[in-house]
Amino acid sequence: MPEVVVYAVAGRTPEQKRGLMKDITDAVVKNLGVSPEVVVVSIVETAKTDKARGGIPFSER
């Protein structure tokens, strides 16, 4: 059972997340030769105040 975890800053719409999960599933099916029913995709969201790059929180960028 292939599983893909996507880490992202929070703020995407349900439609955007649904589209991303569908596209990732399709890519896994195509490249690994498995059925869509066995592919698990998780999106782990982090608030902009709780994530930083170079010591600067995303909320301040």
N, C-alpha and C. Protein backbone atom coordinates (compact mmCIF):
# COMPACT_ATOMS: atom_id res chain seq x y z
N MET A 1 0.84 -1.17 0.00
CA MET A 1 0.00 0.00 0.00
C MET A 1 0.89 1.24 0.00
N PRO A 2 1.06 1.91 -1.13
CA PRO A 2 1.86 3.14 -1.17
C PRO A 2 1.18 4.25 -0.38
N GLU A 3 1.98 4.98 0.36
CA GLU A 3 1.46 6.12 1.12
C GLU A 3 2.34 7.33 0.85
N VAL A 4 1.71 8.47 0.55
CA VAL A 4 2.41 9.71 0.27
C VAL A 4 1.95 10.74 1.29
N VAL A 5 2.92 11.42 1.92
CA VAL A 5 2.60 12.46 2.89
C VAL A 5 3.10 13.79 2.34
N VAL A 6 2.21 14.78 2.31
CA VAL A 6 2.55 16.11 1.82
C VAL A 6 2.49 17.07 3.01
N TYR A 7 3.57 17.78 3.25
CA TYR A 7 3.60 18.79 4.30
C TYR A 7 3.41 20.15 3.63
N ALA A 8 2.47 20.94 4.14
CA ALA A 8 2.17 22.22 3.52
C ALA A 8 1.72 23.23 4.56
N VAL A 9 1.94 24.49 4.25
CA VAL A 9 1.41 25.56 5.08
C VAL A 9 -0.11 25.59 4.90
N ALA A 10 -0.84 25.75 5.96
CA ALA A 10 -2.30 25.76 5.91
C ALA A 10 -2.81 26.92 5.06
N GLY A 11 -4.00 26.73 4.50
CA GLY A 11 -4.61 27.82 3.75
C GLY A 11 -5.18 27.41 2.41
N ARG A 12 -4.96 26.18 1.99
CA ARG A 12 -5.52 25.74 0.70
C ARG A 12 -6.99 25.39 0.87
N THR A 13 -7.74 25.53 -0.20
CA THR A 13 -9.17 25.20 -0.16
C THR A 13 -9.34 23.68 -0.23
N PRO A 14 -10.50 23.19 0.20
CA PRO A 14 -10.77 21.76 0.05
C PRO A 14 -10.66 21.29 -1.40
N GLU A 15 -11.07 22.14 -2.33
CA GLU A 15 -10.99 21.78 -3.75
C GLU A 15 -9.53 21.63 -4.20
N GLN A 16 -8.67 22.53 -3.75
CA GLN A 16 -7.24 22.45 -4.10
C GLN A 16 -6.63 21.17 -3.53
N LYS A 17 -6.96 20.86 -2.29
CA LYS A 17 -6.42 19.66 -1.66
C LYS A 17 -6.95 18.41 -2.34
N ARG A 18 -8.22 18.40 -2.69
CA ARG A 18 -8.81 17.26 -3.39
C ARG A 18 -8.11 17.04 -4.73
N GLY A 19 -7.86 18.12 -5.48
CA GLY A 19 -7.18 18.01 -6.76
C GLY A 19 -5.76 17.49 -6.61
N LEU A 20 -5.06 17.97 -5.60
CA LEU A 20 -3.70 17.51 -5.35
C LEU A 20 -3.68 16.03 -5.02
N MET A 21 -4.59 15.60 -4.14
CA MET A 21 -4.64 14.19 -3.77
C MET A 21 -4.97 13.30 -4.96
N LYS A 22 -5.85 13.77 -5.84
CA LYS A 22 -6.21 13.01 -7.04
C LYS A 22 -5.01 12.90 -7.98
N ASP A 23 -4.32 14.02 -8.21
CA ASP A 23 -3.16 14.01 -9.10
C ASP A 23 -2.04 13.12 -8.57
N ILE A 24 -1.80 13.17 -7.26
CA ILE A 24 -0.77 12.31 -6.67
C ILE A 24 -1.17 10.84 -6.80
N THR A 25 -2.43 10.54 -6.53
CA THR A 25 -2.91 9.16 -6.67
C THR A 25 -2.71 8.67 -8.09
N ASP A 26 -3.09 9.49 -9.07
CA ASP A 26 -2.92 9.10 -10.48
C ASP A 26 -1.46 8.83 -10.81
N ALA A 27 -0.55 9.65 -10.29
CA ALA A 27 0.88 9.46 -10.56
C ALA A 27 1.39 8.16 -9.94
N VAL A 28 0.95 7.85 -8.74
CA VAL A 28 1.37 6.61 -8.08
C VAL A 28 0.83 5.41 -8.84
N VAL A 29 -0.43 5.48 -9.25
CA VAL A 29 -1.03 4.38 -10.02
C VAL A 29 -0.25 4.16 -11.31
N LYS A 30 0.05 5.24 -12.02
CA LYS A 30 0.75 5.15 -13.30
C LYS A 30 2.16 4.59 -13.14
N ASN A 31 2.88 5.07 -12.15
CA ASN A 31 4.29 4.73 -12.03
C ASN A 31 4.59 3.48 -11.21
N LEU A 32 3.68 3.11 -10.32
CA LEU A 32 3.91 1.92 -9.51
C LEU A 32 3.04 0.73 -9.90
N GLY A 33 2.08 0.98 -10.79
CA GLY A 33 1.25 -0.11 -11.29
C GLY A 33 0.33 -0.72 -10.24
N VAL A 34 -0.19 0.13 -9.36
CA VAL A 34 -1.13 -0.34 -8.34
C VAL A 34 -2.51 0.24 -8.63
N SER A 35 -3.52 -0.27 -7.95
CA SER A 35 -4.87 0.27 -8.14
C SER A 35 -5.06 1.49 -7.23
N PRO A 36 -5.91 2.42 -7.63
CA PRO A 36 -6.12 3.63 -6.84
C PRO A 36 -6.60 3.35 -5.41
N GLU A 37 -7.29 2.25 -5.23
CA GLU A 37 -7.87 1.93 -3.92
C GLU A 37 -6.82 1.67 -2.85
N VAL A 38 -5.59 1.36 -3.25
CA VAL A 38 -4.56 1.06 -2.25
C VAL A 38 -3.66 2.26 -1.96
N VAL A 39 -3.83 3.36 -2.68
CA VAL A 39 -2.98 4.54 -2.51
C VAL A 39 -3.56 5.42 -1.41
N VAL A 40 -2.70 5.77 -0.44
CA VAL A 40 -3.10 6.67 0.64
C VAL A 40 -2.32 7.96 0.49
N VAL A 41 -3.03 9.09 0.51
CA VAL A 41 -2.40 10.41 0.45
C VAL A 41 -2.85 11.20 1.66
N SER A 42 -1.90 11.74 2.41
CA SER A 42 -2.21 12.57 3.58
C SER A 42 -1.59 13.94 3.39
N ILE A 43 -2.35 14.97 3.75
CA ILE A 43 -1.83 16.33 3.74
C ILE A 43 -1.74 16.79 5.19
N VAL A 44 -0.53 17.12 5.62
CA VAL A 44 -0.29 17.60 6.97
C VAL A 44 -0.08 19.10 6.88
N GLU A 45 -1.00 19.85 7.47
CA GLU A 45 -0.94 21.31 7.38
C GLU A 45 -0.39 21.92 8.66
N THR A 46 0.38 22.99 8.49
CA THR A 46 0.95 23.73 9.59
C THR A 46 0.56 25.20 9.45
N ALA A 47 0.16 25.81 10.54
CA ALA A 47 -0.18 27.23 10.52
C ALA A 47 1.06 28.05 10.15
N LYS A 48 0.84 29.17 9.47
CA LYS A 48 1.96 30.03 9.05
C LYS A 48 2.77 30.53 10.23
N THR A 49 2.14 30.66 11.39
CA THR A 49 2.85 31.11 12.58
C THR A 49 3.72 30.02 13.19
N ASP A 50 3.50 28.78 12.77
CA ASP A 50 4.22 27.64 13.35
C ASP A 50 5.27 27.04 12.42
N LYS A 51 5.60 27.75 11.35
CA LYS A 51 6.58 27.24 10.38
C LYS A 51 7.47 28.40 9.97
N ALA A 52 8.77 28.13 9.86
CA ALA A 52 9.72 29.19 9.49
C ALA A 52 10.73 28.67 8.48
N ARG A 53 11.26 29.59 7.70
CA ARG A 53 12.39 29.30 6.81
C ARG A 53 13.43 30.37 7.09
N GLY A 54 14.66 29.93 7.33
CA GLY A 54 15.72 30.87 7.64
C GLY A 54 15.48 31.66 8.91
N GLY A 55 14.71 31.09 9.82
CA GLY A 55 14.42 31.75 11.09
C GLY A 55 13.29 32.76 11.01
N ILE A 56 12.68 32.93 9.85
CA ILE A 56 11.59 33.90 9.69
C ILE A 56 10.28 33.13 9.51
N PRO A 57 9.33 33.33 10.42
CA PRO A 57 8.04 32.62 10.28
C PRO A 57 7.35 32.98 8.96
N PHE A 58 6.66 32.00 8.41
CA PHE A 58 5.93 32.22 7.16
C PHE A 58 4.90 33.34 7.32
N SER A 59 4.39 33.54 8.52
CA SER A 59 3.41 34.61 8.76
C SER A 59 4.01 36.00 8.61
N GLU A 60 5.34 36.10 8.63
CA GLU A 60 6.01 37.39 8.49
C GLU A 60 6.62 37.57 7.12
N ARG A 61 6.42 36.64 6.24
CA ARG A 61 6.98 36.73 4.89
C ARG A 61 6.04 37.44 3.97
